[in-house]
Amino acid sequence: MNNFLAATAPWLAPAFTVGASAVSWLELVALLLAVWMVLCNLRVNPLGWPLAMASSALYGVLFLHSKLYGEAGLQGLFIALAAWGWWQWLRGTGDAGQPLVVHWLAKRQRLQVLLLTLVAWPLLGLLLHHLTDSDVPYLDALPTVGSIAAQLLLARKQVENWPVWVGVNVVSVALFAVKGLWLTVLLYLVFAVLAGIGWRTWSKLARGAHAHG
């Protein structure tokens, strides 16, 4: 791991500064790919998935350097989920075998997602607290488990992924502010706004799909 971090250290050279904090080339490129990804997701464009894989790989390196192990591990999982989501958007089907379209979860399924997320959060926080030197284990754990839930919902074109992303992004703003990753703070503020737009846009798409169903 130390050799890997040393090899990627040149990517941490400052591209510019925000106040007293330097923004690395790694963070800048990851940000641009991530914004492009979200814009593709808003338009239900499958190109968002390979962009997600590339952005996640870069953010994984950045978070390792920042000792955000929950977020770093999440990026590896995101790459795998993005490959699955990409396949779902291209080849996936609904419960009746029809092509996958934007839709809502049933009320019971929403409750299940909420309960599973609330149970997983303290468990992951406890794991990070005991197995890593993270100084923000529980603040790191919450957006980690929330992001997994949101990514799964996104892969199945379920509208509820967007309100979950809103919550994840708001908590992430606080997390990255604590770690001094100010460009990433700005990114997640933008993400929160885009997630709100995505929520509204996909709700309209779901209503349209339901009306024609």
N, C-alpha and C. Protein backbone atom coordinates (compact mmCIF):
# COMPACT_ATOMS: atom_id res chain seq x y z
N MET A 1 0.82 -1.21 0.00
CA MET A 1 0.00 0.00 0.00
C MET A 1 0.86 1.26 0.00
N ASN A 2 1.92 1.26 0.82
CA ASN A 2 2.81 2.42 0.88
C ASN A 2 3.46 2.69 -0.48
N ASN A 3 3.84 1.62 -1.20
CA ASN A 3 4.44 1.79 -2.52
C ASN A 3 3.43 2.39 -3.50
N PHE A 4 2.18 1.93 -3.38
CA PHE A 4 1.13 2.46 -4.26
C PHE A 4 0.91 3.94 -4.00
N LEU A 5 0.83 4.31 -2.73
CA LEU A 5 0.61 5.72 -2.39
C LEU A 5 1.77 6.58 -2.85
N ALA A 6 2.98 6.04 -2.74
CA ALA A 6 4.15 6.79 -3.19
C ALA A 6 4.12 6.99 -4.71
N ALA A 7 3.68 5.95 -5.44
CA ALA A 7 3.64 6.02 -6.89
C ALA A 7 2.60 7.02 -7.38
N THR A 8 1.52 7.19 -6.63
CA THR A 8 0.46 8.11 -7.04
C THR A 8 0.65 9.51 -6.48
N ALA A 9 1.66 9.70 -5.65
CA ALA A 9 1.89 11.00 -5.02
C ALA A 9 2.04 12.15 -6.02
N PRO A 10 2.70 11.95 -7.19
CA PRO A 10 2.82 13.07 -8.14
C PRO A 10 1.48 13.66 -8.59
N TRP A 11 0.42 12.83 -8.59
CA TRP A 11 -0.90 13.33 -8.95
C TRP A 11 -1.43 14.32 -7.93
N LEU A 12 -0.82 14.33 -6.74
CA LEU A 12 -1.27 15.24 -5.69
C LEU A 12 -0.62 16.61 -5.79
N ALA A 13 0.20 16.83 -6.81
CA ALA A 13 0.79 18.15 -7.02
C ALA A 13 -0.33 19.18 -7.22
N PRO A 14 -0.18 20.37 -6.65
CA PRO A 14 -1.25 21.38 -6.73
C PRO A 14 -1.53 21.83 -8.16
N ALA A 15 -2.80 21.87 -8.53
CA ALA A 15 -3.21 22.46 -9.79
C ALA A 15 -3.48 23.95 -9.60
N PHE A 16 -4.09 24.29 -8.45
CA PHE A 16 -4.34 25.67 -8.04
C PHE A 16 -4.70 25.64 -6.56
N THR A 17 -4.96 26.78 -5.99
CA THR A 17 -5.31 26.85 -4.58
C THR A 17 -6.68 27.49 -4.39
N VAL A 18 -7.38 27.06 -3.34
CA VAL A 18 -8.64 27.66 -2.91
C VAL A 18 -8.41 28.17 -1.51
N GLY A 19 -8.26 29.47 -1.37
CA GLY A 19 -7.90 30.01 -0.07
C GLY A 19 -6.49 29.56 0.29
N ALA A 20 -6.39 28.91 1.45
CA ALA A 20 -5.09 28.41 1.89
C ALA A 20 -4.87 26.95 1.52
N SER A 21 -5.84 26.34 0.85
CA SER A 21 -5.77 24.91 0.54
C SER A 21 -5.44 24.69 -0.93
N ALA A 22 -4.50 23.78 -1.18
CA ALA A 22 -4.13 23.43 -2.55
C ALA A 22 -5.09 22.37 -3.09
N VAL A 23 -5.45 22.50 -4.36
CA VAL A 23 -6.29 21.52 -5.05
C VAL A 23 -5.40 20.75 -6.00
N SER A 24 -5.34 19.43 -5.82
CA SER A 24 -4.45 18.60 -6.62
C SER A 24 -5.04 18.32 -7.99
N TRP A 25 -4.14 17.93 -8.91
CA TRP A 25 -4.60 17.51 -10.24
C TRP A 25 -5.51 16.29 -10.14
N LEU A 26 -5.22 15.41 -9.21
CA LEU A 26 -6.04 14.21 -9.02
C LEU A 26 -7.46 14.59 -8.66
N GLU A 27 -7.61 15.51 -7.70
CA GLU A 27 -8.95 15.93 -7.28
C GLU A 27 -9.67 16.66 -8.41
N LEU A 28 -8.95 17.46 -9.18
CA LEU A 28 -9.56 18.23 -10.26
C LEU A 28 -10.11 17.32 -11.35
N VAL A 29 -9.30 16.35 -11.80
CA VAL A 29 -9.74 15.44 -12.87
C VAL A 29 -10.91 14.58 -12.38
N ALA A 30 -10.83 14.09 -11.14
CA ALA A 30 -11.91 13.29 -10.58
C ALA A 30 -13.21 14.09 -10.53
N LEU A 31 -13.10 15.37 -10.16
CA LEU A 31 -14.28 16.23 -10.09
C LEU A 31 -14.93 16.39 -11.46
N LEU A 32 -14.14 16.68 -12.49
CA LEU A 32 -14.70 16.89 -13.82
C LEU A 32 -15.41 15.64 -14.34
N LEU A 33 -14.80 14.48 -14.11
CA LEU A 33 -15.43 13.23 -14.54
C LEU A 33 -16.73 12.97 -13.77
N ALA A 34 -16.73 13.31 -12.48
CA ALA A 34 -17.91 13.06 -11.66
C ALA A 34 -19.08 13.95 -12.07
N VAL A 35 -18.80 15.21 -12.37
CA VAL A 35 -19.87 16.11 -12.81
C VAL A 35 -20.44 15.62 -14.14
N TRP A 36 -19.59 15.23 -15.07
CA TRP A 36 -20.04 14.70 -16.35
C TRP A 36 -20.91 13.47 -16.14
N MET A 37 -20.51 12.62 -15.19
CA MET A 37 -21.27 11.41 -14.87
C MET A 37 -22.69 11.75 -14.42
N VAL A 38 -22.82 12.70 -13.47
CA VAL A 38 -24.13 13.04 -12.94
C VAL A 38 -25.02 13.63 -14.03
N LEU A 39 -24.45 14.47 -14.89
CA LEU A 39 -25.23 15.03 -15.99
C LEU A 39 -25.76 13.93 -16.92
N CYS A 40 -24.95 12.90 -17.14
CA CYS A 40 -25.41 11.75 -17.94
C CYS A 40 -26.52 11.01 -17.22
N ASN A 41 -26.39 10.83 -15.90
CA ASN A 41 -27.43 10.15 -15.13
C ASN A 41 -28.76 10.89 -15.20
N LEU A 42 -28.70 12.23 -15.13
CA LEU A 42 -29.92 13.03 -15.23
C LEU A 42 -30.67 12.74 -16.53
N ARG A 43 -29.89 12.51 -17.58
CA ARG A 43 -30.48 12.27 -18.91
C ARG A 43 -30.70 10.79 -19.20
N VAL A 44 -30.49 9.95 -18.19
CA VAL A 44 -30.61 8.49 -18.33
C VAL A 44 -29.73 8.01 -19.47
N ASN A 45 -28.51 8.54 -19.53
CA ASN A 45 -27.53 8.19 -20.56
C ASN A 45 -26.55 7.16 -20.00
N PRO A 46 -26.44 5.96 -20.57
CA PRO A 46 -25.55 4.92 -20.04
C PRO A 46 -24.08 5.32 -19.99
N LEU A 47 -23.67 6.36 -20.71
CA LEU A 47 -22.28 6.81 -20.65
C LEU A 47 -21.87 7.18 -19.22
N GLY A 48 -22.85 7.50 -18.38
CA GLY A 48 -22.54 7.84 -17.01
C GLY A 48 -21.83 6.74 -16.25
N TRP A 49 -22.07 5.49 -16.61
CA TRP A 49 -21.49 4.38 -15.86
C TRP A 49 -19.99 4.23 -16.07
N PRO A 50 -19.45 4.23 -17.30
CA PRO A 50 -17.99 4.19 -17.42
C PRO A 50 -17.32 5.43 -16.83
N LEU A 51 -18.00 6.58 -16.91
CA LEU A 51 -17.47 7.77 -16.27
C LEU A 51 -17.42 7.59 -14.76
N ALA A 52 -18.42 6.93 -14.21
CA ALA A 52 -18.44 6.65 -12.78
C ALA A 52 -17.27 5.76 -12.37
N MET A 53 -16.95 4.79 -13.20
CA MET A 53 -15.84 3.89 -12.90
C MET A 53 -14.51 4.64 -12.88
N ALA A 54 -14.30 5.52 -13.86
CA ALA A 54 -13.06 6.28 -13.92
C ALA A 54 -12.95 7.26 -12.76
N SER A 55 -14.03 7.97 -12.48
CA SER A 55 -14.03 8.93 -11.37
C SER A 55 -13.82 8.24 -10.03
N SER A 56 -14.47 7.09 -9.84
CA SER A 56 -14.32 6.35 -8.59
C SER A 56 -12.89 5.89 -8.36
N ALA A 57 -12.24 5.46 -9.43
CA ALA A 57 -10.85 5.02 -9.30
C ALA A 57 -9.96 6.17 -8.82
N LEU A 58 -10.17 7.35 -9.37
CA LEU A 58 -9.35 8.50 -8.97
C LEU A 58 -9.68 8.95 -7.55
N TYR A 59 -10.96 8.96 -7.21
CA TYR A 59 -11.33 9.34 -5.84
C TYR A 59 -10.85 8.32 -4.82
N GLY A 60 -10.81 7.06 -5.20
CA GLY A 60 -10.29 6.05 -4.29
C GLY A 60 -8.86 6.35 -3.89
N VAL A 61 -8.05 6.75 -4.85
CA VAL A 61 -6.66 7.12 -4.57
C VAL A 61 -6.60 8.35 -3.68
N LEU A 62 -7.42 9.36 -4.00
CA LEU A 62 -7.43 10.59 -3.21
C LEU A 62 -7.82 10.31 -1.76
N PHE A 63 -8.83 9.47 -1.55
CA PHE A 63 -9.30 9.20 -0.21
C PHE A 63 -8.30 8.36 0.59
N LEU A 64 -7.57 7.48 -0.08
CA LEU A 64 -6.52 6.74 0.61
C LEU A 64 -5.46 7.69 1.16
N HIS A 65 -5.10 8.66 0.37
CA HIS A 65 -4.11 9.64 0.83
C HIS A 65 -4.64 10.46 2.00
N SER A 66 -5.99 10.63 2.07
CA SER A 66 -6.61 11.43 3.13
C SER A 66 -7.04 10.59 4.32
N LYS A 67 -6.74 9.28 4.30
CA LYS A 67 -7.10 8.34 5.37
C LYS A 67 -8.61 8.24 5.58
N LEU A 68 -9.37 8.42 4.51
CA LEU A 68 -10.81 8.21 4.52
C LEU A 68 -11.06 6.81 3.98
N TYR A 69 -10.86 5.80 4.82
CA TYR A 69 -10.84 4.42 4.35
C TYR A 69 -12.22 3.92 3.95
N GLY A 70 -13.25 4.39 4.65
CA GLY A 70 -14.60 4.01 4.25
C GLY A 70 -14.93 4.52 2.86
N GLU A 71 -14.62 5.79 2.62
CA GLU A 71 -14.87 6.37 1.31
C GLU A 71 -13.99 5.72 0.24
N ALA A 72 -12.74 5.40 0.58
CA ALA A 72 -11.84 4.76 -0.38
C ALA A 72 -12.35 3.38 -0.76
N GLY A 73 -12.74 2.59 0.23
CA GLY A 73 -13.29 1.27 -0.05
C GLY A 73 -14.57 1.35 -0.85
N LEU A 74 -15.36 2.39 -0.58
CA LEU A 74 -16.60 2.58 -1.31
C LEU A 74 -16.35 2.76 -2.80
N GLN A 75 -15.25 3.42 -3.15
CA GLN A 75 -14.96 3.64 -4.57
C GLN A 75 -14.72 2.32 -5.31
N GLY A 76 -14.05 1.38 -4.65
CA GLY A 76 -13.86 0.07 -5.26
C GLY A 76 -15.18 -0.63 -5.49
N LEU A 77 -16.06 -0.53 -4.49
CA LEU A 77 -17.39 -1.11 -4.63
C LEU A 77 -18.17 -0.41 -5.73
N PHE A 78 -18.01 0.93 -5.82
CA PHE A 78 -18.69 1.69 -6.86
C PHE A 78 -18.29 1.23 -8.25
N ILE A 79 -17.03 0.89 -8.43
CA ILE A 79 -16.58 0.44 -9.75
C ILE A 79 -17.32 -0.84 -10.13
N ALA A 80 -17.43 -1.76 -9.18
CA ALA A 80 -18.15 -3.01 -9.44
C ALA A 80 -19.63 -2.74 -9.68
N LEU A 81 -20.23 -1.87 -8.86
CA LEU A 81 -21.65 -1.55 -9.02
C LEU A 81 -21.91 -0.81 -10.34
N ALA A 82 -20.94 0.02 -10.75
CA ALA A 82 -21.10 0.74 -12.01
C ALA A 82 -21.11 -0.23 -13.19
N ALA A 83 -20.28 -1.25 -13.13
CA ALA A 83 -20.28 -2.26 -14.20
C ALA A 83 -21.63 -2.96 -14.25
N TRP A 84 -22.17 -3.29 -13.07
CA TRP A 84 -23.49 -3.92 -12.99
C TRP A 84 -24.58 -2.97 -13.46
N GLY A 85 -24.51 -1.70 -13.01
CA GLY A 85 -25.50 -0.71 -13.41
C GLY A 85 -25.49 -0.46 -14.91
N TRP A 86 -24.30 -0.44 -15.48
CA TRP A 86 -24.17 -0.25 -16.93
C TRP A 86 -24.89 -1.37 -17.68
N TRP A 87 -24.68 -2.59 -17.21
CA TRP A 87 -25.36 -3.74 -17.83
C TRP A 87 -26.87 -3.65 -17.63
N GLN A 88 -27.30 -3.23 -16.43
CA GLN A 88 -28.73 -3.10 -16.16
C GLN A 88 -29.39 -2.10 -17.10
N TRP A 89 -28.74 -0.96 -17.33
CA TRP A 89 -29.32 0.06 -18.19
C TRP A 89 -29.35 -0.37 -19.64
N LEU A 90 -28.43 -1.21 -20.03
CA LEU A 90 -28.38 -1.66 -21.42
C LEU A 90 -29.24 -2.91 -21.65
N ARG A 91 -29.26 -3.81 -20.66
CA ARG A 91 -29.91 -5.11 -20.86
C ARG A 91 -30.95 -5.46 -19.80
N GLY A 92 -31.06 -4.66 -18.73
CA GLY A 92 -31.93 -5.03 -17.62
C GLY A 92 -33.40 -4.97 -17.97
N THR A 93 -34.21 -5.70 -17.20
CA THR A 93 -35.65 -5.73 -17.42
C THR A 93 -36.37 -5.53 -16.09
N GLY A 94 -37.64 -5.16 -16.18
CA GLY A 94 -38.48 -5.01 -15.00
C GLY A 94 -39.02 -6.35 -14.53
N ASP A 95 -39.91 -6.28 -13.53
CA ASP A 95 -40.45 -7.52 -12.94
C ASP A 95 -41.22 -8.37 -13.95
N ALA A 96 -41.85 -7.72 -14.92
CA ALA A 96 -42.65 -8.45 -15.91
C ALA A 96 -41.85 -8.77 -17.17
N GLY A 97 -40.54 -8.52 -17.13
CA GLY A 97 -39.71 -8.82 -18.28
C GLY A 97 -39.61 -7.71 -19.31
N GLN A 98 -40.26 -6.57 -19.05
CA GLN A 98 -40.21 -5.44 -19.97
C GLN A 98 -38.88 -4.69 -19.80
N PRO A 99 -38.47 -3.92 -20.82
CA PRO A 99 -37.25 -3.12 -20.68
C PRO A 99 -37.31 -2.23 -19.44
N LEU A 100 -36.19 -2.06 -18.80
CA LEU A 100 -36.13 -1.29 -17.56
C LEU A 100 -36.42 0.19 -17.83
N VAL A 101 -37.35 0.76 -17.05
CA VAL A 101 -37.69 2.18 -17.19
C VAL A 101 -37.60 2.84 -15.81
N VAL A 102 -37.57 4.17 -15.81
CA VAL A 102 -37.56 4.93 -14.55
C VAL A 102 -38.87 4.68 -13.81
N HIS A 103 -38.78 4.31 -12.52
CA HIS A 103 -39.98 3.98 -11.75
C HIS A 103 -39.73 4.19 -10.26
N TRP A 104 -40.82 4.17 -9.49
CA TRP A 104 -40.73 4.32 -8.04
C TRP A 104 -40.70 2.95 -7.35
N LEU A 105 -40.13 2.94 -6.14
CA LEU A 105 -40.22 1.77 -5.28
C LEU A 105 -41.60 1.70 -4.64
N ALA A 106 -42.01 0.49 -4.24
CA ALA A 106 -43.20 0.35 -3.41
C ALA A 106 -42.87 0.89 -2.01
N LYS A 107 -43.90 1.31 -1.25
CA LYS A 107 -43.69 1.90 0.08
C LYS A 107 -42.93 0.95 1.01
N ARG A 108 -43.25 -0.32 0.93
CA ARG A 108 -42.57 -1.29 1.80
C ARG A 108 -41.09 -1.38 1.45
N GLN A 109 -40.76 -1.30 0.18
CA GLN A 109 -39.36 -1.35 -0.25
C GLN A 109 -38.59 -0.11 0.22
N ARG A 110 -39.25 1.04 0.23
CA ARG A 110 -38.61 2.26 0.73
C ARG A 110 -38.24 2.11 2.20
N LEU A 111 -39.15 1.55 2.97
CA LEU A 111 -38.90 1.35 4.40
C LEU A 111 -37.75 0.37 4.61
N GLN A 112 -37.69 -0.67 3.80
CA GLN A 112 -36.61 -1.64 3.90
C GLN A 112 -35.25 -1.00 3.63
N VAL A 113 -35.19 -0.15 2.61
CA VAL A 113 -33.94 0.53 2.28
C VAL A 113 -33.50 1.43 3.44
N LEU A 114 -34.46 2.17 4.02
CA LEU A 114 -34.15 3.06 5.14
C LEU A 114 -33.64 2.28 6.35
N LEU A 115 -34.32 1.20 6.70
CA LEU A 115 -33.93 0.43 7.88
C LEU A 115 -32.56 -0.23 7.70
N LEU A 116 -32.31 -0.79 6.52
CA LEU A 116 -31.02 -1.43 6.26
C LEU A 116 -29.89 -0.41 6.33
N THR A 117 -30.14 0.79 5.83
CA THR A 117 -29.12 1.84 5.86
C THR A 117 -28.82 2.26 7.30
N LEU A 118 -29.86 2.43 8.12
CA LEU A 118 -29.69 2.85 9.51
C LEU A 118 -29.00 1.77 10.35
N VAL A 119 -29.18 0.52 9.98
CA VAL A 119 -28.50 -0.56 10.70
C VAL A 119 -27.04 -0.66 10.27
N ALA A 120 -26.80 -0.51 8.98
CA ALA A 120 -25.44 -0.66 8.46
C ALA A 120 -24.52 0.48 8.88
N TRP A 121 -25.06 1.67 9.08
CA TRP A 121 -24.24 2.84 9.41
C TRP A 121 -23.40 2.66 10.67
N PRO A 122 -24.01 2.39 11.84
CA PRO A 122 -23.17 2.24 13.04
C PRO A 122 -22.27 1.02 12.99
N LEU A 123 -22.70 -0.02 12.29
CA LEU A 123 -21.85 -1.22 12.18
C LEU A 123 -20.57 -0.91 11.41
N LEU A 124 -20.70 -0.19 10.30
CA LEU A 124 -19.52 0.18 9.54
C LEU A 124 -18.67 1.18 10.32
N GLY A 125 -19.32 2.12 11.01
CA GLY A 125 -18.58 3.08 11.81
C GLY A 125 -17.76 2.40 12.88
N LEU A 126 -18.33 1.40 13.52
CA LEU A 126 -17.62 0.64 14.55
C LEU A 126 -16.44 -0.10 13.95
N LEU A 127 -16.65 -0.66 12.77
CA LEU A 127 -15.57 -1.38 12.08
C LEU A 127 -14.42 -0.44 11.73
N LEU A 128 -14.73 0.71 11.21
CA LEU A 128 -13.69 1.68 10.87
C LEU A 128 -12.97 2.19 12.12
N HIS A 129 -13.72 2.33 13.19
CA HIS A 129 -13.13 2.82 14.45
C HIS A 129 -12.08 1.84 14.99
N HIS A 130 -12.37 0.56 14.89
CA HIS A 130 -11.48 -0.45 15.49
C HIS A 130 -10.40 -0.95 14.54
N LEU A 131 -10.65 -0.90 13.23
CA LEU A 131 -9.70 -1.52 12.30
C LEU A 131 -8.85 -0.51 11.52
N THR A 132 -9.15 0.78 11.63
CA THR A 132 -8.37 1.78 10.89
C THR A 132 -7.97 2.91 11.82
N ASP A 133 -7.15 3.84 11.30
CA ASP A 133 -6.78 5.02 12.09
C ASP A 133 -7.61 6.23 11.68
N SER A 134 -8.79 5.99 11.12
CA SER A 134 -9.68 7.09 10.75
C SER A 134 -10.03 7.92 11.97
N ASP A 135 -10.02 9.25 11.81
CA ASP A 135 -10.40 10.13 12.90
C ASP A 135 -11.86 10.58 12.80
N VAL A 136 -12.57 10.10 11.78
CA VAL A 136 -14.00 10.42 11.62
C VAL A 136 -14.76 9.16 11.19
N PRO A 137 -14.67 8.07 11.94
CA PRO A 137 -15.22 6.80 11.46
C PRO A 137 -16.73 6.82 11.21
N TYR A 138 -17.49 7.44 12.10
CA TYR A 138 -18.95 7.40 11.94
C TYR A 138 -19.43 8.42 10.90
N LEU A 139 -18.76 9.55 10.82
CA LEU A 139 -19.09 10.53 9.79
C LEU A 139 -18.70 9.99 8.42
N ASP A 140 -17.65 9.19 8.36
CA ASP A 140 -17.23 8.54 7.12
C ASP A 140 -18.20 7.42 6.74
N ALA A 141 -18.70 6.71 7.75
CA ALA A 141 -19.54 5.54 7.49
C ALA A 141 -20.91 5.89 6.94
N LEU A 142 -21.50 7.01 7.39
CA LEU A 142 -22.87 7.33 6.98
C LEU A 142 -23.00 7.55 5.47
N PRO A 143 -22.20 8.44 4.86
CA PRO A 143 -22.33 8.58 3.40
C PRO A 143 -21.87 7.34 2.64
N THR A 144 -21.02 6.53 3.27
CA THR A 144 -20.59 5.30 2.62
C THR A 144 -21.76 4.35 2.41
N VAL A 145 -22.50 4.05 3.49
CA VAL A 145 -23.62 3.12 3.36
C VAL A 145 -24.76 3.74 2.57
N GLY A 146 -24.95 5.07 2.72
CA GLY A 146 -25.99 5.74 1.94
C GLY A 146 -25.69 5.70 0.46
N SER A 147 -24.43 5.84 0.11
CA SER A 147 -24.04 5.81 -1.29
C SER A 147 -24.26 4.45 -1.92
N ILE A 148 -24.01 3.40 -1.15
CA ILE A 148 -24.25 2.04 -1.67
C ILE A 148 -25.73 1.87 -1.98
N ALA A 149 -26.59 2.31 -1.05
CA ALA A 149 -28.04 2.21 -1.27
C ALA A 149 -28.45 3.00 -2.50
N ALA A 150 -27.94 4.23 -2.61
CA ALA A 150 -28.31 5.09 -3.74
C ALA A 150 -27.84 4.50 -5.07
N GLN A 151 -26.64 3.94 -5.07
CA GLN A 151 -26.10 3.38 -6.31
C GLN A 151 -26.92 2.18 -6.78
N LEU A 152 -27.35 1.36 -5.86
CA LEU A 152 -28.19 0.21 -6.21
C LEU A 152 -29.52 0.66 -6.78
N LEU A 153 -30.11 1.69 -6.16
CA LEU A 153 -31.38 2.23 -6.65
C LEU A 153 -31.21 2.86 -8.03
N LEU A 154 -30.09 3.57 -8.23
CA LEU A 154 -29.82 4.19 -9.53
C LEU A 154 -29.69 3.13 -10.62
N ALA A 155 -29.00 2.05 -10.31
CA ALA A 155 -28.78 0.99 -11.29
C ALA A 155 -30.08 0.38 -11.78
N ARG A 156 -31.10 0.38 -10.90
CA ARG A 156 -32.40 -0.17 -11.28
C ARG A 156 -33.38 0.91 -11.73
N LYS A 157 -32.86 2.13 -11.98
CA LYS A 157 -33.66 3.25 -12.46
C LYS A 157 -34.83 3.58 -11.52
N GLN A 158 -34.57 3.54 -10.23
CA GLN A 158 -35.60 3.85 -9.24
C GLN A 158 -35.44 5.30 -8.78
N VAL A 159 -36.53 6.06 -8.81
CA VAL A 159 -36.52 7.49 -8.53
C VAL A 159 -35.89 7.79 -7.17
N GLU A 160 -36.10 6.91 -6.21
CA GLU A 160 -35.66 7.17 -4.84
C GLU A 160 -34.15 7.30 -4.70
N ASN A 161 -33.39 6.92 -5.73
CA ASN A 161 -31.95 7.11 -5.63
C ASN A 161 -31.61 8.58 -5.43
N TRP A 162 -32.41 9.49 -5.99
CA TRP A 162 -32.08 10.92 -5.94
C TRP A 162 -32.24 11.53 -4.56
N PRO A 163 -33.35 11.31 -3.83
CA PRO A 163 -33.40 11.84 -2.47
C PRO A 163 -32.33 11.24 -1.56
N VAL A 164 -31.98 9.97 -1.80
CA VAL A 164 -30.89 9.38 -1.01
C VAL A 164 -29.58 10.10 -1.32
N TRP A 165 -29.34 10.40 -2.61
CA TRP A 165 -28.13 11.14 -2.98
C TRP A 165 -28.11 12.53 -2.36
N VAL A 166 -29.27 13.17 -2.26
CA VAL A 166 -29.32 14.49 -1.61
C VAL A 166 -28.77 14.39 -0.19
N GLY A 167 -29.27 13.41 0.57
CA GLY A 167 -28.80 13.23 1.95
C GLY A 167 -27.32 12.88 2.01
N VAL A 168 -26.88 11.98 1.14
CA VAL A 168 -25.47 11.58 1.10
C VAL A 168 -24.57 12.79 0.82
N ASN A 169 -24.97 13.60 -0.14
CA ASN A 169 -24.14 14.74 -0.53
C ASN A 169 -24.05 15.79 0.56
N VAL A 170 -25.15 16.02 1.28
CA VAL A 170 -25.13 17.00 2.38
C VAL A 170 -24.18 16.55 3.48
N VAL A 171 -24.25 15.28 3.86
CA VAL A 171 -23.35 14.75 4.89
C VAL A 171 -21.91 14.77 4.39
N SER A 172 -21.71 14.47 3.11
CA SER A 172 -20.37 14.45 2.54
C SER A 172 -19.73 15.83 2.55
N VAL A 173 -20.53 16.87 2.38
CA VAL A 173 -20.01 18.24 2.45
C VAL A 173 -19.35 18.46 3.82
N ALA A 174 -20.02 18.04 4.88
CA ALA A 174 -19.45 18.19 6.22
C ALA A 174 -18.19 17.34 6.38
N LEU A 175 -18.22 16.12 5.87
CA LEU A 175 -17.08 15.22 5.99
C LEU A 175 -15.84 15.80 5.30
N PHE A 176 -16.00 16.24 4.07
CA PHE A 176 -14.85 16.72 3.32
C PHE A 176 -14.37 18.09 3.81
N ALA A 177 -15.27 18.87 4.40
CA ALA A 177 -14.86 20.13 5.01
C ALA A 177 -13.95 19.85 6.20
N VAL A 178 -14.28 18.84 6.99
CA VAL A 178 -13.45 18.46 8.12
C VAL A 178 -12.05 18.06 7.65
N LYS A 179 -11.96 17.40 6.49
CA LYS A 179 -10.67 16.92 5.97
C LYS A 179 -9.97 17.97 5.10
N GLY A 180 -10.59 19.13 4.88
CA GLY A 180 -9.94 20.19 4.12
C GLY A 180 -9.90 19.96 2.63
N LEU A 181 -10.77 19.12 2.09
CA LEU A 181 -10.84 18.87 0.66
C LEU A 181 -11.87 19.82 0.05
N TRP A 182 -11.46 21.08 -0.12
CA TRP A 182 -12.42 22.14 -0.40
C TRP A 182 -13.01 22.07 -1.81
N LEU A 183 -12.25 21.64 -2.77
CA LEU A 183 -12.83 21.49 -4.10
C LEU A 183 -13.87 20.38 -4.11
N THR A 184 -13.61 19.33 -3.35
CA THR A 184 -14.58 18.24 -3.24
C THR A 184 -15.81 18.69 -2.47
N VAL A 185 -15.63 19.58 -1.49
CA VAL A 185 -16.78 20.19 -0.80
C VAL A 185 -17.67 20.91 -1.82
N LEU A 186 -17.03 21.71 -2.68
CA LEU A 186 -17.78 22.41 -3.72
C LEU A 186 -18.48 21.43 -4.65
N LEU A 187 -17.78 20.37 -5.02
CA LEU A 187 -18.36 19.35 -5.89
C LEU A 187 -19.63 18.76 -5.27
N TYR A 188 -19.57 18.43 -3.99
CA TYR A 188 -20.71 17.78 -3.36
C TYR A 188 -21.86 18.74 -3.11
N LEU A 189 -21.57 20.04 -3.00
CA LEU A 189 -22.65 21.02 -2.98
C LEU A 189 -23.36 21.04 -4.32
N VAL A 190 -22.56 21.00 -5.40
CA VAL A 190 -23.14 20.93 -6.75
C VAL A 190 -23.93 19.64 -6.91
N PHE A 191 -23.36 18.53 -6.41
CA PHE A 191 -24.05 17.24 -6.48
C PHE A 191 -25.41 17.30 -5.77
N ALA A 192 -25.46 17.96 -4.62
CA ALA A 192 -26.72 18.05 -3.86
C ALA A 192 -27.78 18.77 -4.69
N VAL A 193 -27.37 19.85 -5.36
CA VAL A 193 -28.30 20.58 -6.21
C VAL A 193 -28.73 19.72 -7.40
N LEU A 194 -27.76 19.05 -8.03
CA LEU A 194 -28.08 18.20 -9.18
C LEU A 194 -28.97 17.02 -8.78
N ALA A 195 -28.76 16.50 -7.57
CA ALA A 195 -29.60 15.41 -7.10
C ALA A 195 -31.05 15.87 -6.92
N GLY A 196 -31.22 17.11 -6.44
CA GLY A 196 -32.57 17.67 -6.35
C GLY A 196 -33.21 17.80 -7.72
N ILE A 197 -32.43 18.25 -8.70
CA ILE A 197 -32.93 18.35 -10.08
C ILE A 197 -33.24 16.96 -10.63
N GLY A 198 -32.36 15.99 -10.33
CA GLY A 198 -32.59 14.62 -10.78
C GLY A 198 -33.86 14.04 -10.19
N TRP A 199 -34.11 14.34 -8.92
CA TRP A 199 -35.33 13.87 -8.24
C TRP A 199 -36.56 14.37 -8.98
N ARG A 200 -36.57 15.65 -9.31
CA ARG A 200 -37.71 16.25 -10.01
C ARG A 200 -37.83 15.68 -11.43
N THR A 201 -36.70 15.59 -12.14
CA THR A 201 -36.72 15.12 -13.52
C THR A 201 -37.19 13.67 -13.62
N TRP A 202 -36.62 12.80 -12.76
CA TRP A 202 -36.99 11.39 -12.80
C TRP A 202 -38.43 11.17 -12.32
N SER A 203 -38.92 12.00 -11.42
CA SER A 203 -40.31 11.88 -10.98
C SER A 203 -41.25 12.10 -12.16
N LYS A 204 -40.92 13.08 -13.01
CA LYS A 204 -41.72 13.33 -14.21
C LYS A 204 -41.64 12.15 -15.17
N LEU A 205 -40.42 11.59 -15.32
CA LEU A 205 -40.27 10.43 -16.20
C LEU A 205 -41.06 9.24 -15.70
N ALA A 206 -41.06 9.04 -14.38
CA ALA A 206 -41.79 7.90 -13.79
C ALA A 206 -43.28 8.08 -13.98
N ARG A 207 -43.77 9.31 -13.82
CA ARG A 207 -45.19 9.56 -14.04
C ARG A 207 -45.56 9.30 -15.49
N GLY A 208 -44.67 9.71 -16.41
CA GLY A 208 -44.92 9.46 -17.82
C GLY A 208 -44.93 7.98 -18.15
N ALA A 209 -43.98 7.23 -17.57
CA ALA A 209 -43.92 5.79 -17.81
C ALA A 209 -45.14 5.10 -17.23
N HIS A 210 -45.61 5.58 -16.04
CA HIS A 210 -46.78 4.97 -15.41
C HIS A 210 -48.02 5.25 -16.26
N ALA A 211 -48.11 6.46 -16.81
CA ALA A 211 -49.28 6.83 -17.61
C ALA A 211 -49.37 6.00 -18.89
N HIS A 212 -48.20 5.60 -19.41
CA HIS A 212 -48.19 4.81 -20.63
C HIS A 212 -48.12 3.30 -20.36
N GLY A 213 -48.04 2.92 -19.05
CA GLY A 213 -47.91 1.52 -18.70
C GLY A 213 -49.23 0.78 -18.73
